[in-house]
Amino acid sequence: MNSLVPKFCLFSFIFYLFGLTSSQASEDPLLETIWNIQSRKVIEQEELIEHFLGAEVIYLGEKHDNARQHEIQLQILEALISKGKRPSIGFEFFT
């Protein structure tokens, strides 16, 4: 497998989540924008999912009290499952 695919997926989603840190995410048109660092273009969530299909590991991070980020995590998991993937899910909790 191309070693760039997992790195691309990780960095794409990290940049995606950086835009979701505000509770007023819907007010800024650039928030929730997914930036593909390889093509240097904005992509839609569906294209991000297609990239995720080739990854062995995907890290989905969030700010723990941000409901919108939790919704996006669920959308991604549901999309992967609908495309035949069977993701394993692990959680971390730090005090």
C-alpha atoms as a PDB file:
ATOM      1  CA  MET A   1       0.000   0.000   0.000  1.00  0.00           C
ATOM      2  CA  ASN A   2       1.197   3.476  -0.764  1.00  0.00           C
ATOM      3  CA  SER A   3       2.566   4.879   2.485  1.00  0.00           C
ATOM      4  CA  LEU A   4       1.292   8.363   1.644  1.00  0.00           C
ATOM      5  CA  VAL A   5      -2.389   7.379   1.816  1.00  0.00           C
ATOM      6  CA  PRO A   6      -2.562   6.997   5.617  1.00  0.00           C
ATOM      7  CA  LYS A   7      -0.556  10.180   6.132  1.00  0.00           C
ATOM      8  CA  PHE A   8      -2.789  12.071   3.721  1.00  0.00           C
ATOM      9  CA  CYS A   9      -5.910  10.846   5.490  1.00  0.00           C
ATOM     10  CA  LEU A  10      -4.591  11.764   8.891  1.00  0.00           C
ATOM     11  CA  PHE A  11      -3.420  15.243   7.935  1.00  0.00           C
ATOM     12  CA  SER A  12      -6.547  15.987   5.906  1.00  0.00           C
ATOM     13  CA  PHE A  13      -8.775  15.171   8.820  1.00  0.00           C
ATOM     14  CA  ILE A  14      -6.612  17.062  11.287  1.00  0.00           C
ATOM     15  CA  PHE A  15      -6.927  20.200   9.160  1.00  0.00           C
ATOM     16  CA  TYR A  16     -10.645  19.501   8.842  1.00  0.00           C
ATOM     17  CA  LEU A  17     -11.040  19.381  12.611  1.00  0.00           C
ATOM     18  CA  PHE A  18      -9.002  22.534  13.163  1.00  0.00           C
ATOM     19  CA  GLY A  19     -11.823  24.355  11.437  1.00  0.00           C
ATOM     20  CA  LEU A  20     -14.384  22.928  13.845  1.00  0.00           C
ATOM     21  CA  THR A  21     -13.056  24.246  17.125  1.00  0.00           C
ATOM     22  CA  SER A  22     -15.536  27.094  17.421  1.00  0.00           C
ATOM     23  CA  SER A  23     -19.079  26.671  18.681  1.00  0.00           C
ATOM     24  CA  GLN A  24     -20.001  29.182  15.960  1.00  0.00           C
ATOM     25  CA  ALA A  25     -18.709  26.923  13.178  1.00  0.00           C
ATOM     26  CA  SER A  26     -21.631  27.663  10.859  1.00  0.00           C
ATOM     27  CA  GLU A  27     -20.836  31.409  10.781  1.00  0.00           C
ATOM     28  CA  ASP A  28     -17.436  31.205   9.078  1.00  0.00           C
ATOM     29  CA  PRO A  29     -17.588  29.937   5.475  1.00  0.00           C
ATOM     30  CA  LEU A  30     -14.105  28.370   5.755  1.00  0.00           C
ATOM     31  CA  LEU A  31     -14.918  26.267   8.794  1.00  0.00           C
ATOM     32  CA  GLU A  32     -15.661  22.633   7.969  1.00  0.00           C
ATOM     33  CA  THR A  33     -13.627  23.048   4.784  1.00  0.00           C
ATOM     34  CA  ILE A  34     -11.549  19.989   3.891  1.00  0.00           C
ATOM     35  CA  TRP A  35      -8.200  20.867   2.352  1.00  0.00           C
ATOM     36  CA  ASN A  36      -6.403  18.137   0.379  1.00  0.00           C
ATOM     37  CA  ILE A  37      -2.742  18.808   1.052  1.00  0.00           C
ATOM     38  CA  GLN A  38      -1.598  16.676  -1.895  1.00  0.00           C
ATOM     39  CA  SER A  39      -3.668  18.370  -4.588  1.00  0.00           C
ATOM     40  CA  ARG A  40      -3.805  21.707  -2.747  1.00  0.00           C
ATOM     41  CA  LYS A  41      -7.534  21.880  -3.372  1.00  0.00           C
ATOM     42  CA  VAL A  42     -10.691  21.927  -1.316  1.00  0.00           C
ATOM     43  CA  ILE A  43     -12.528  18.594  -1.414  1.00  0.00           C
ATOM     44  CA  GLU A  44     -15.924  17.411  -0.252  1.00  0.00           C
ATOM     45  CA  GLN A  45     -16.468  14.946   2.580  1.00  0.00           C
ATOM     46  CA  GLU A  46     -17.344  12.227   0.040  1.00  0.00           C
ATOM     47  CA  GLU A  47     -13.894  12.506  -1.532  1.00  0.00           C
ATOM     48  CA  LEU A  48     -12.290  12.358   1.899  1.00  0.00           C
ATOM     49  CA  ILE A  49     -14.226   9.134   2.550  1.00  0.00           C
ATOM     50  CA  GLU A  50     -12.871   7.677  -0.701  1.00  0.00           C
ATOM     51  CA  HIS A  51      -9.331   8.422   0.503  1.00  0.00           C
ATOM     52  CA  PHE A  52     -10.141   6.845   3.863  1.00  0.00           C
ATOM     53  CA  LEU A  53     -11.199   3.609   2.138  1.00  0.00           C
ATOM     54  CA  GLY A  54      -7.558   2.936   1.274  1.00  0.00           C
ATOM     55  CA  ALA A  55      -6.242   3.603   4.773  1.00  0.00           C
ATOM     56  CA  GLU A  56      -5.461   0.961   7.372  1.00  0.00           C
ATOM     57  CA  VAL A  57      -5.735   3.388  10.297  1.00  0.00           C
ATOM     58  CA  ILE A  58      -7.775   6.584  10.584  1.00  0.00           C
ATOM     59  CA  TYR A  59      -7.610   8.826  13.633  1.00  0.00           C
ATOM     60  CA  LEU A  60     -10.742  10.889  14.242  1.00  0.00           C
ATOM     61  CA  GLY A  61     -10.084  13.520  16.861  1.00  0.00           C
ATOM     62  CA  GLU A  62     -12.380  16.071  18.390  1.00  0.00           C
ATOM     63  CA  LYS A  63     -12.814  18.581  21.128  1.00  0.00           C
ATOM     64  CA  HIS A  64     -14.718  16.503  23.657  1.00  0.00           C
ATOM     65  CA  ASP A  65     -17.570  18.957  24.201  1.00  0.00           C
ATOM     66  CA  ASN A  66     -18.117  19.816  20.525  1.00  0.00           C
ATOM     67  CA  ALA A  67     -21.325  18.150  19.338  1.00  0.00           C
ATOM     68  CA  ARG A  68     -20.741  19.115  15.689  1.00  0.00           C
ATOM     69  CA  GLN A  69     -17.424  17.281  15.643  1.00  0.00           C
ATOM     70  CA  HIS A  70     -19.141  14.199  17.086  1.00  0.00           C
ATOM     71  CA  GLU A  71     -21.738  14.396  14.298  1.00  0.00           C
ATOM     72  CA  ILE A  72     -18.980  14.475  11.685  1.00  0.00           C
ATOM     73  CA  GLN A  73     -17.252  11.479  13.262  1.00  0.00           C
ATOM     74  CA  LEU A  74     -20.531   9.560  13.083  1.00  0.00           C
ATOM     75  CA  GLN A  75     -21.067  10.590   9.449  1.00  0.00           C
ATOM     76  CA  ILE A  76     -17.605   9.303   8.553  1.00  0.00           C
ATOM     77  CA  LEU A  77     -18.128   5.995  10.356  1.00  0.00           C
ATOM     78  CA  GLU A  78     -21.552   5.518   8.747  1.00  0.00           C
ATOM     79  CA  ALA A  79     -20.106   6.279   5.307  1.00  0.00           C
ATOM     80  CA  LEU A  80     -17.284   3.772   5.781  1.00  0.00           C
ATOM     81  CA  ILE A  81     -19.740   1.095   6.930  1.00  0.00           C
ATOM     82  CA  SER A  82     -22.064   1.792   3.995  1.00  0.00           C
ATOM     83  CA  LYS A  83     -19.104   1.176   1.660  1.00  0.00           C
ATOM     84  CA  GLY A  84     -18.382  -2.224   3.178  1.00  0.00           C
ATOM     85  CA  LYS A  85     -15.762  -1.331   5.766  1.00  0.00           C
ATOM     86  CA  ARG A  86     -15.952  -2.753   9.270  1.00  0.00           C
ATOM     87  CA  PRO A  87     -14.100  -0.208  11.393  1.00  0.00           C
ATOM     88  CA  SER A  88     -12.868  -0.986  14.874  1.00  0.00           C
ATOM     89  CA  ILE A  89     -13.287   1.917  17.241  1.00  0.00           C
ATOM     90  CA  GLY A  90     -11.058   2.834  20.167  1.00  0.00           C
ATOM     91  CA  PHE A  91     -11.550   5.706  22.575  1.00  0.00           C
ATOM     92  CA  GLU A  92      -9.165   7.658  24.752  1.00  0.00           C
ATOM     93  CA  PHE A  93     -10.073   9.538  27.867  1.00  0.00           C
ATOM     94  CA  PHE A  94      -7.635  11.725  29.727  1.00  0.00           C
ATOM     95  CA  THR A  95      -8.372  13.472  32.995  1.00  0.00           C
END
